[in-house]
Amino acid sequence: LRGRLKSASISPDAIYSDHAPVTVEL
């Protein structure tokens, strides 16, 4: 899937938990 990776990120400002959501787009 390496060639299909478009982006990957962490959203630390989404404060609904002690974790932050992480996102990947293919």
mmCIF file of all heavy atoms, coordinates in Angstrom:
data_MODEL
# 
_entry.id   MODEL 
# 
loop_
_atom_site.group_PDB 
_atom_site.id 
_atom_site.type_symbol 
_atom_site.label_atom_id 
_atom_site.label_alt_id 
_atom_site.label_comp_id 
_atom_site.label_asym_id 
_atom_site.label_entity_id 
_atom_site.label_seq_id 
_atom_site.pdbx_PDB_ins_code 
_atom_site.Cartn_x 
_atom_site.Cartn_y 
_atom_site.Cartn_z 
_atom_site.occupancy 
_atom_site.B_iso_or_equiv 
_atom_site.pdbx_formal_charge 
_atom_site.auth_seq_id 
_atom_site.auth_comp_id 
_atom_site.auth_asym_id 
_atom_site.auth_atom_id 
_atom_site.pdbx_PDB_model_num 
ATOM 1   N N   . LEU A 1 1  ? 0.808   -1.220 0.000  1.00 0.00 ? 1  LEU A N   1 
ATOM 2   C CA  . LEU A 1 1  ? 0.000   0.000  0.000  1.00 0.00 ? 1  LEU A CA  1 
ATOM 3   C C   . LEU A 1 1  ? 0.843   1.274  0.000  1.00 0.00 ? 1  LEU A C   1 
ATOM 4   O O   . LEU A 1 1  ? 0.292   2.375  0.002  1.00 0.00 ? 1  LEU A O   1 
ATOM 5   C CB  . LEU A 1 1  ? -0.938  0.019  1.209  1.00 0.00 ? 1  LEU A CB  1 
ATOM 6   C CG  . LEU A 1 1  ? -2.108  -0.974 1.171  1.00 0.00 ? 1  LEU A CG  1 
ATOM 7   C CD1 . LEU A 1 1  ? -2.868  -0.959 2.489  1.00 0.00 ? 1  LEU A CD1 1 
ATOM 8   C CD2 . LEU A 1 1  ? -3.043  -0.652 0.016  1.00 0.00 ? 1  LEU A CD2 1 
ATOM 9   N N   . ARG A 1 2  ? 2.151   1.146  -0.025 1.00 0.00 ? 2  ARG A N   1 
ATOM 10  C CA  . ARG A 1 2  ? 3.006   2.338  0.046  1.00 0.00 ? 2  ARG A CA  1 
ATOM 11  C C   . ARG A 1 2  ? 2.645   3.362  -1.034 1.00 0.00 ? 2  ARG A C   1 
ATOM 12  O O   . ARG A 1 2  ? 2.511   4.560  -0.765 1.00 0.00 ? 2  ARG A O   1 
ATOM 13  C CB  . ARG A 1 2  ? 4.479   1.944  -0.096 1.00 0.00 ? 2  ARG A CB  1 
ATOM 14  C CG  . ARG A 1 2  ? 5.426   3.132  0.027  1.00 0.00 ? 2  ARG A CG  1 
ATOM 15  C CD  . ARG A 1 2  ? 6.861   2.749  -0.296 1.00 0.00 ? 2  ARG A CD  1 
ATOM 16  N NE  . ARG A 1 2  ? 7.418   1.822  0.665  1.00 0.00 ? 2  ARG A NE  1 
ATOM 17  C CZ  . ARG A 1 2  ? 8.002   2.208  1.809  1.00 0.00 ? 2  ARG A CZ  1 
ATOM 18  N NH1 . ARG A 1 2  ? 8.066   3.499  2.124  1.00 0.00 ? 2  ARG A NH1 1 
ATOM 19  N NH2 . ARG A 1 2  ? 8.505   1.305  2.623  1.00 0.00 ? 2  ARG A NH2 1 
ATOM 20  N N   . GLY A 1 3  ? 2.461   2.908  -2.263 1.00 0.00 ? 3  GLY A N   1 
ATOM 21  C CA  . GLY A 1 3  ? 2.182   3.820  -3.359 1.00 0.00 ? 3  GLY A CA  1 
ATOM 22  C C   . GLY A 1 3  ? 0.800   4.447  -3.298 1.00 0.00 ? 3  GLY A C   1 
ATOM 23  O O   . GLY A 1 3  ? 0.526   5.403  -4.036 1.00 0.00 ? 3  GLY A O   1 
ATOM 24  N N   . ARG A 1 4  ? -0.062  3.935  -2.427 1.00 0.00 ? 4  ARG A N   1 
ATOM 25  C CA  . ARG A 1 4  ? -1.415  4.474  -2.309 1.00 0.00 ? 4  ARG A CA  1 
ATOM 26  C C   . ARG A 1 4  ? -1.584  5.386  -1.103 1.00 0.00 ? 4  ARG A C   1 
ATOM 27  O O   . ARG A 1 4  ? -2.671  5.920  -0.874 1.00 0.00 ? 4  ARG A O   1 
ATOM 28  C CB  . ARG A 1 4  ? -2.420  3.325  -2.252 1.00 0.00 ? 4  ARG A CB  1 
ATOM 29  C CG  . ARG A 1 4  ? -2.499  2.567  -3.573 1.00 0.00 ? 4  ARG A CG  1 
ATOM 30  C CD  . ARG A 1 4  ? -3.267  1.261  -3.477 1.00 0.00 ? 4  ARG A CD  1 
ATOM 31  N NE  . ARG A 1 4  ? -4.657  1.435  -3.099 1.00 0.00 ? 4  ARG A NE  1 
ATOM 32  C CZ  . ARG A 1 4  ? -5.528  0.426  -2.999 1.00 0.00 ? 4  ARG A CZ  1 
ATOM 33  N NH1 . ARG A 1 4  ? -5.137  -0.816 -3.294 1.00 0.00 ? 4  ARG A NH1 1 
ATOM 34  N NH2 . ARG A 1 4  ? -6.773  0.646  -2.639 1.00 0.00 ? 4  ARG A NH2 1 
ATOM 35  N N   . LEU A 1 5  ? -0.512  5.576  -0.328 1.00 0.00 ? 5  LEU A N   1 
ATOM 36  C CA  . LEU A 1 5  ? -0.586  6.472  0.824  1.00 0.00 ? 5  LEU A CA  1 
ATOM 37  C C   . LEU A 1 5  ? -0.664  7.925  0.358  1.00 0.00 ? 5  LEU A C   1 
ATOM 38  O O   . LEU A 1 5  ? 0.179   8.389  -0.393 1.00 0.00 ? 5  LEU A O   1 
ATOM 39  C CB  . LEU A 1 5  ? 0.640   6.295  1.728  1.00 0.00 ? 5  LEU A CB  1 
ATOM 40  C CG  . LEU A 1 5  ? 0.709   5.015  2.564  1.00 0.00 ? 5  LEU A CG  1 
ATOM 41  C CD1 . LEU A 1 5  ? 2.075   4.895  3.228  1.00 0.00 ? 5  LEU A CD1 1 
ATOM 42  C CD2 . LEU A 1 5  ? -0.392  5.004  3.620  1.00 0.00 ? 5  LEU A CD2 1 
ATOM 43  N N   . LYS A 1 6  ? -1.676  8.643  0.824  1.00 0.00 ? 6  LYS A N   1 
ATOM 44  C CA  . LYS A 1 6  ? -1.840  10.056 0.479  1.00 0.00 ? 6  LYS A CA  1 
ATOM 45  C C   . LYS A 1 6  ? -1.452  10.965 1.635  1.00 0.00 ? 6  LYS A C   1 
ATOM 46  O O   . LYS A 1 6  ? -0.865  12.029 1.433  1.00 0.00 ? 6  LYS A O   1 
ATOM 47  C CB  . LYS A 1 6  ? -3.287  10.331 0.072  1.00 0.00 ? 6  LYS A CB  1 
ATOM 48  C CG  . LYS A 1 6  ? -3.722  9.650  -1.214 1.00 0.00 ? 6  LYS A CG  1 
ATOM 49  C CD  . LYS A 1 6  ? -5.175  9.919  -1.523 1.00 0.00 ? 6  LYS A CD  1 
ATOM 50  C CE  . LYS A 1 6  ? -5.454  11.403 -1.747 1.00 0.00 ? 6  LYS A CE  1 
ATOM 51  N NZ  . LYS A 1 6  ? -6.892  11.630 -2.061 1.00 0.00 ? 6  LYS A NZ  1 
ATOM 52  N N   . SER A 1 7  ? -1.782  10.565 2.866  1.00 0.00 ? 7  SER A N   1 
ATOM 53  C CA  . SER A 1 7  ? -1.452  11.375 4.034  1.00 0.00 ? 7  SER A CA  1 
ATOM 54  C C   . SER A 1 7  ? -1.622  10.538 5.288  1.00 0.00 ? 7  SER A C   1 
ATOM 55  O O   . SER A 1 7  ? -2.306  9.507  5.281  1.00 0.00 ? 7  SER A O   1 
ATOM 56  C CB  . SER A 1 7  ? -2.349  12.621 4.121  1.00 0.00 ? 7  SER A CB  1 
ATOM 57  O OG  . SER A 1 7  ? -3.699  12.252 4.368  1.00 0.00 ? 7  SER A OG  1 
ATOM 58  N N   . ALA A 1 8  ? -0.984  10.990 6.363  1.00 0.00 ? 8  ALA A N   1 
ATOM 59  C CA  . ALA A 1 8  ? -1.153  10.380 7.679  1.00 0.00 ? 8  ALA A CA  1 
ATOM 60  C C   . ALA A 1 8  ? -0.925  11.477 8.713  1.00 0.00 ? 8  ALA A C   1 
ATOM 61  O O   . ALA A 1 8  ? 0.015   12.270 8.587  1.00 0.00 ? 8  ALA A O   1 
ATOM 62  C CB  . ALA A 1 8  ? -0.170  9.229  7.888  1.00 0.00 ? 8  ALA A CB  1 
ATOM 63  N N   . SER A 1 9  ? -1.765  11.533 9.723  1.00 0.00 ? 9  SER A N   1 
ATOM 64  C CA  . SER A 1 9  ? -1.687  12.644 10.663 1.00 0.00 ? 9  SER A CA  1 
ATOM 65  C C   . SER A 1 9  ? -2.218  12.263 12.037 1.00 0.00 ? 9  SER A C   1 
ATOM 66  O O   . SER A 1 9  ? -2.906  11.253 12.203 1.00 0.00 ? 9  SER A O   1 
ATOM 67  C CB  . SER A 1 9  ? -2.484  13.842 10.125 1.00 0.00 ? 9  SER A CB  1 
ATOM 68  O OG  . SER A 1 9  ? -3.854  13.492 9.952  1.00 0.00 ? 9  SER A OG  1 
ATOM 69  N N   . ILE A 1 10 ? -1.879  13.105 13.013 1.00 0.00 ? 10 ILE A N   1 
ATOM 70  C CA  . ILE A 1 10 ? -2.414  13.040 14.368 1.00 0.00 ? 10 ILE A CA  1 
ATOM 71  C C   . ILE A 1 10 ? -3.151  14.351 14.617 1.00 0.00 ? 10 ILE A C   1 
ATOM 72  O O   . ILE A 1 10 ? -2.692  15.406 14.187 1.00 0.00 ? 10 ILE A O   1 
ATOM 73  C CB  . ILE A 1 10 ? -1.294  12.868 15.409 1.00 0.00 ? 10 ILE A CB  1 
ATOM 74  C CG1 . ILE A 1 10 ? -0.503  11.579 15.160 1.00 0.00 ? 10 ILE A CG1 1 
ATOM 75  C CG2 . ILE A 1 10 ? -1.849  12.874 16.830 1.00 0.00 ? 10 ILE A CG2 1 
ATOM 76  C CD1 . ILE A 1 10 ? 0.733   11.451 16.046 1.00 0.00 ? 10 ILE A CD1 1 
ATOM 77  N N   . SER A 1 11 ? -4.283  14.286 15.327 1.00 0.00 ? 11 SER A N   1 
ATOM 78  C CA  . SER A 1 11 ? -5.064  15.499 15.623 1.00 0.00 ? 11 SER A CA  1 
ATOM 79  C C   . SER A 1 11 ? -5.083  15.740 17.127 1.00 0.00 ? 11 SER A C   1 
ATOM 80  O O   . SER A 1 11 ? -6.053  15.390 17.811 1.00 0.00 ? 11 SER A O   1 
ATOM 81  C CB  . SER A 1 11 ? -6.490  15.361 15.086 1.00 0.00 ? 11 SER A CB  1 
ATOM 82  O OG  . SER A 1 11 ? -6.488  15.135 13.697 1.00 0.00 ? 11 SER A OG  1 
ATOM 83  N N   . PRO A 1 12 ? -4.021  16.339 17.679 1.00 0.00 ? 12 PRO A N   1 
ATOM 84  C CA  . PRO A 1 12 ? -3.931  16.491 19.136 1.00 0.00 ? 12 PRO A CA  1 
ATOM 85  C C   . PRO A 1 12 ? -4.954  17.442 19.740 1.00 0.00 ? 12 PRO A C   1 
ATOM 86  O O   . PRO A 1 12 ? -5.169  17.442 20.950 1.00 0.00 ? 12 PRO A O   1 
ATOM 87  C CB  . PRO A 1 12 ? -2.506  17.017 19.334 1.00 0.00 ? 12 PRO A CB  1 
ATOM 88  C CG  . PRO A 1 12 ? -2.169  17.688 18.044 1.00 0.00 ? 12 PRO A CG  1 
ATOM 89  C CD  . PRO A 1 12 ? -2.856  16.892 16.996 1.00 0.00 ? 12 PRO A CD  1 
ATOM 90  N N   . ASP A 1 13 ? -5.589  18.262 18.909 1.00 0.00 ? 13 ASP A N   1 
ATOM 91  C CA  . ASP A 1 13 ? -6.562  19.225 19.431 1.00 0.00 ? 13 ASP A CA  1 
ATOM 92  C C   . ASP A 1 13 ? -7.952  18.628 19.585 1.00 0.00 ? 13 ASP A C   1 
ATOM 93  O O   . ASP A 1 13 ? -8.860  19.307 20.072 1.00 0.00 ? 13 ASP A O   1 
ATOM 94  C CB  . ASP A 1 13 ? -6.627  20.446 18.519 1.00 0.00 ? 13 ASP A CB  1 
ATOM 95  C CG  . ASP A 1 13 ? -5.313  21.215 18.484 1.00 0.00 ? 13 ASP A CG  1 
ATOM 96  O OD1 . ASP A 1 13 ? -4.608  21.213 19.513 1.00 0.00 ? 13 ASP A OD1 1 
ATOM 97  O OD2 . ASP A 1 13 ? -4.984  21.785 17.431 1.00 0.00 ? 13 ASP A OD2 1 
ATOM 98  N N   . ALA A 1 14 ? -8.156  17.392 19.170 1.00 0.00 ? 14 ALA A N   1 
ATOM 99  C CA  . ALA A 1 14 ? -9.452  16.728 19.319 1.00 0.00 ? 14 ALA A CA  1 
ATOM 100 C C   . ALA A 1 14 ? -9.513  16.116 20.720 1.00 0.00 ? 14 ALA A C   1 
ATOM 101 O O   . ALA A 1 14 ? -9.127  14.971 20.938 1.00 0.00 ? 14 ALA A O   1 
ATOM 102 C CB  . ALA A 1 14 ? -9.629  15.660 18.251 1.00 0.00 ? 14 ALA A CB  1 
ATOM 103 N N   . ILE A 1 15 ? -9.972  16.883 21.685 1.00 0.00 ? 15 ILE A N   1 
ATOM 104 C CA  . ILE A 1 15 ? -9.874  16.493 23.092 1.00 0.00 ? 15 ILE A CA  1 
ATOM 105 C C   . ILE A 1 15 ? -11.176 15.842 23.550 1.00 0.00 ? 15 ILE A C   1 
ATOM 106 O O   . ILE A 1 15 ? -12.028 16.472 24.189 1.00 0.00 ? 15 ILE A O   1 
ATOM 107 C CB  . ILE A 1 15 ? -9.511  17.713 23.980 1.00 0.00 ? 15 ILE A CB  1 
ATOM 108 C CG1 . ILE A 1 15 ? -8.253  18.393 23.444 1.00 0.00 ? 15 ILE A CG1 1 
ATOM 109 C CG2 . ILE A 1 15 ? -9.279  17.272 25.417 1.00 0.00 ? 15 ILE A CG2 1 
ATOM 110 C CD1 . ILE A 1 15 ? -7.862  19.640 24.200 1.00 0.00 ? 15 ILE A CD1 1 
ATOM 111 N N   . TYR A 1 16 ? -11.354 14.585 23.204 1.00 0.00 ? 16 TYR A N   1 
ATOM 112 C CA  . TYR A 1 16 ? -12.505 13.814 23.649 1.00 0.00 ? 16 TYR A CA  1 
ATOM 113 C C   . TYR A 1 16 ? -12.064 12.603 24.459 1.00 0.00 ? 16 TYR A C   1 
ATOM 114 O O   . TYR A 1 16 ? -12.904 11.821 24.905 1.00 0.00 ? 16 TYR A O   1 
ATOM 115 C CB  . TYR A 1 16 ? -13.336 13.358 22.435 1.00 0.00 ? 16 TYR A CB  1 
ATOM 116 C CG  . TYR A 1 16 ? -13.658 14.500 21.513 1.00 0.00 ? 16 TYR A CG  1 
ATOM 117 C CD1 . TYR A 1 16 ? -12.936 14.699 20.337 1.00 0.00 ? 16 TYR A CD1 1 
ATOM 118 C CD2 . TYR A 1 16 ? -14.635 15.428 21.844 1.00 0.00 ? 16 TYR A CD2 1 
ATOM 119 C CE1 . TYR A 1 16 ? -13.200 15.777 19.505 1.00 0.00 ? 16 TYR A CE1 1 
ATOM 120 C CE2 . TYR A 1 16 ? -14.905 16.517 21.019 1.00 0.00 ? 16 TYR A CE2 1 
ATOM 121 C CZ  . TYR A 1 16 ? -14.190 16.678 19.849 1.00 0.00 ? 16 TYR A CZ  1 
ATOM 122 O OH  . TYR A 1 16 ? -14.440 17.755 19.041 1.00 0.00 ? 16 TYR A OH  1 
ATOM 123 N N   . SER A 1 17 ? -10.767 12.462 24.624 1.00 0.00 ? 17 SER A N   1 
ATOM 124 C CA  . SER A 1 17 ? -10.177 11.305 25.285 1.00 0.00 ? 17 SER A CA  1 
ATOM 125 C C   . SER A 1 17 ? -8.785  11.707 25.745 1.00 0.00 ? 17 SER A C   1 
ATOM 126 O O   . SER A 1 17 ? -8.322  12.816 25.466 1.00 0.00 ? 17 SER A O   1 
ATOM 127 C CB  . SER A 1 17 ? -10.103 10.143 24.282 1.00 0.00 ? 17 SER A CB  1 
ATOM 128 O OG  . SER A 1 17 ? -9.312  9.074  24.748 1.00 0.00 ? 17 SER A OG  1 
ATOM 129 N N   . ASP A 1 18 ? -8.100  10.806 26.457 1.00 0.00 ? 18 ASP A N   1 
ATOM 130 C CA  . ASP A 1 18 ? -6.695  11.051 26.776 1.00 0.00 ? 18 ASP A CA  1 
ATOM 131 C C   . ASP A 1 18 ? -5.792  10.742 25.586 1.00 0.00 ? 18 ASP A C   1 
ATOM 132 O O   . ASP A 1 18 ? -4.603  11.027 25.609 1.00 0.00 ? 18 ASP A O   1 
ATOM 133 C CB  . ASP A 1 18 ? -6.253  10.274 28.014 1.00 0.00 ? 18 ASP A CB  1 
ATOM 134 C CG  . ASP A 1 18 ? -6.531  8.774  27.921 1.00 0.00 ? 18 ASP A CG  1 
ATOM 135 O OD1 . ASP A 1 18 ? -7.362  8.365  27.082 1.00 0.00 ? 18 ASP A OD1 1 
ATOM 136 O OD2 . ASP A 1 18 ? -5.941  8.009  28.710 1.00 0.00 ? 18 ASP A OD2 1 
ATOM 137 N N   . HIS A 1 19 ? -6.362  10.151 24.527 1.00 0.00 ? 19 HIS A N   1 
ATOM 138 C CA  . HIS A 1 19 ? -5.669  9.910  23.270 1.00 0.00 ? 19 HIS A CA  1 
ATOM 139 C C   . HIS A 1 19 ? -6.081  10.963 22.246 1.00 0.00 ? 19 HIS A C   1 
ATOM 140 O O   . HIS A 1 19 ? -7.074  11.677 22.425 1.00 0.00 ? 19 HIS A O   1 
ATOM 141 C CB  . HIS A 1 19 ? -6.028  8.533  22.709 1.00 0.00 ? 19 HIS A CB  1 
ATOM 142 C CG  . HIS A 1 19 ? -5.463  7.387  23.480 1.00 0.00 ? 19 HIS A CG  1 
ATOM 143 N ND1 . HIS A 1 19 ? -4.448  6.580  23.007 1.00 0.00 ? 19 HIS A ND1 1 
ATOM 144 C CD2 . HIS A 1 19 ? -5.780  6.892  24.702 1.00 0.00 ? 19 HIS A CD2 1 
ATOM 145 C CE1 . HIS A 1 19 ? -4.164  5.651  23.884 1.00 0.00 ? 19 HIS A CE1 1 
ATOM 146 N NE2 . HIS A 1 19 ? -4.962  5.810  24.929 1.00 0.00 ? 19 HIS A NE2 1 
ATOM 147 N N   . ALA A 1 20 ? -5.338  11.023 21.152 1.00 0.00 ? 20 ALA A N   1 
ATOM 148 C CA  . ALA A 1 20 ? -5.712  11.822 19.989 1.00 0.00 ? 20 ALA A CA  1 
ATOM 149 C C   . ALA A 1 20 ? -6.047  10.873 18.847 1.00 0.00 ? 20 ALA A C   1 
ATOM 150 O O   . ALA A 1 20 ? -5.462  9.800  18.735 1.00 0.00 ? 20 ALA A O   1 
ATOM 151 C CB  . ALA A 1 20 ? -4.580  12.750 19.579 1.00 0.00 ? 20 ALA A CB  1 
ATOM 152 N N   . PRO A 1 21 ? -6.977  11.264 17.982 1.00 0.00 ? 21 PRO A N   1 
ATOM 153 C CA  . PRO A 1 21 ? -7.259  10.432 16.811 1.00 0.00 ? 21 PRO A CA  1 
ATOM 154 C C   . PRO A 1 21 ? -6.120  10.483 15.813 1.00 0.00 ? 21 PRO A C   1 
ATOM 155 O O   . PRO A 1 21 ? -5.453  11.504 15.673 1.00 0.00 ? 21 PRO A O   1 
ATOM 156 C CB  . PRO A 1 21 ? -8.542  11.059 16.239 1.00 0.00 ? 21 PRO A CB  1 
ATOM 157 C CG  . PRO A 1 21 ? -8.498  12.484 16.700 1.00 0.00 ? 21 PRO A CG  1 
ATOM 158 C CD  . PRO A 1 21 ? -7.824  12.458 18.029 1.00 0.00 ? 21 PRO A CD  1 
ATOM 159 N N   . VAL A 1 22 ? -5.902  9.377  15.098 1.00 0.00 ? 22 VAL A N   1 
ATOM 160 C CA  . VAL A 1 22 ? -4.899  9.316  14.035 1.00 0.00 ? 22 VAL A CA  1 
ATOM 161 C C   . VAL A 1 22 ? -5.604  8.947  12.734 1.00 0.00 ? 22 VAL A C   1 
ATOM 162 O O   . VAL A 1 22 ? -6.550  8.154  12.729 1.00 0.00 ? 22 VAL A O   1 
ATOM 163 C CB  . VAL A 1 22 ? -3.781  8.303  14.377 1.00 0.00 ? 22 VAL A CB  1 
ATOM 164 C CG1 . VAL A 1 22 ? -2.987  8.774  15.588 1.00 0.00 ? 22 VAL A CG1 1 
ATOM 165 C CG2 . VAL A 1 22 ? -4.329  6.906  14.630 1.00 0.00 ? 22 VAL A CG2 1 
ATOM 166 N N   . THR A 1 23 ? -5.147  9.556  11.656 1.00 0.00 ? 23 THR A N   1 
ATOM 167 C CA  . THR A 1 23 ? -5.817  9.421  10.366 1.00 0.00 ? 23 THR A CA  1 
ATOM 168 C C   . THR A 1 23 ? -4.843  8.990  9.291  1.00 0.00 ? 23 THR A C   1 
ATOM 169 O O   . THR A 1 23 ? -3.689  9.441  9.253  1.00 0.00 ? 23 THR A O   1 
ATOM 170 C CB  . THR A 1 23 ? -6.437  10.777 9.946  1.00 0.00 ? 23 THR A CB  1 
ATOM 171 O OG1 . THR A 1 23 ? -7.334  11.220 10.963 1.00 0.00 ? 23 THR A OG1 1 
ATOM 172 C CG2 . THR A 1 23 ? -7.190  10.656 8.624  1.00 0.00 ? 23 THR A CG2 1 
ATOM 173 N N   . VAL A 1 24 ? -5.297  8.129  8.394  1.00 0.00 ? 24 VAL A N   1 
ATOM 174 C CA  . VAL A 1 24 ? -4.548  7.797  7.207  1.00 0.00 ? 24 VAL A CA  1 
ATOM 175 C C   . VAL A 1 24 ? -5.505  7.892  6.007  1.00 0.00 ? 24 VAL A C   1 
ATOM 176 O O   . VAL A 1 24 ? -6.694  7.567  6.138  1.00 0.00 ? 24 VAL A O   1 
ATOM 177 C CB  . VAL A 1 24 ? -3.906  6.392  7.282  1.00 0.00 ? 24 VAL A CB  1 
ATOM 178 C CG1 . VAL A 1 24 ? -4.946  5.287  7.223  1.00 0.00 ? 24 VAL A CG1 1 
ATOM 179 C CG2 . VAL A 1 24 ? -2.872  6.187  6.189  1.00 0.00 ? 24 VAL A CG2 1 
ATOM 180 N N   . GLU A 1 25 ? -4.989  8.358  4.878  1.00 0.00 ? 25 GLU A N   1 
ATOM 181 C CA  . GLU A 1 25 ? -5.773  8.409  3.658  1.00 0.00 ? 25 GLU A CA  1 
ATOM 182 C C   . GLU A 1 25 ? -5.072  7.633  2.552  1.00 0.00 ? 25 GLU A C   1 
ATOM 183 O O   . GLU A 1 25 ? -3.864  7.793  2.343  1.00 0.00 ? 25 GLU A O   1 
ATOM 184 C CB  . GLU A 1 25 ? -5.995  9.851  3.218  1.00 0.00 ? 25 GLU A CB  1 
ATOM 185 C CG  . GLU A 1 25 ? -6.927  10.625 4.142  1.00 0.00 ? 25 GLU A CG  1 
ATOM 186 C CD  . GLU A 1 25 ? -7.369  11.944 3.549  1.00 0.00 ? 25 GLU A CD  1 
ATOM 187 O OE1 . GLU A 1 25 ? -8.135  11.927 2.551  1.00 0.00 ? 25 GLU A OE1 1 
ATOM 188 O OE2 . GLU A 1 25 ? -6.957  12.988 4.064  1.00 0.00 ? 25 GLU A OE2 1 
ATOM 189 N N   . LEU A 1 26 ? -5.833  6.793  1.866  1.00 0.00 ? 26 LEU A N   1 
ATOM 190 C CA  . LEU A 1 26 ? -5.330  5.981  0.766  1.00 0.00 ? 26 LEU A CA  1 
ATOM 191 C C   . LEU A 1 26 ? -6.037  6.375  -0.524 1.00 0.00 ? 26 LEU A C   1 
ATOM 192 O O   . LEU A 1 26 ? -7.212  6.722  -0.508 1.00 0.00 ? 26 LEU A O   1 
ATOM 193 C CB  . LEU A 1 26 ? -5.594  4.498  1.011  1.00 0.00 ? 26 LEU A CB  1 
ATOM 194 C CG  . LEU A 1 26 ? -5.060  3.863  2.303  1.00 0.00 ? 26 LEU A CG  1 
ATOM 195 C CD1 . LEU A 1 26 ? -5.600  2.439  2.418  1.00 0.00 ? 26 LEU A CD1 1 
ATOM 196 C CD2 . LEU A 1 26 ? -3.547  3.873  2.330  1.00 0.00 ? 26 LEU A CD2 1 
# 
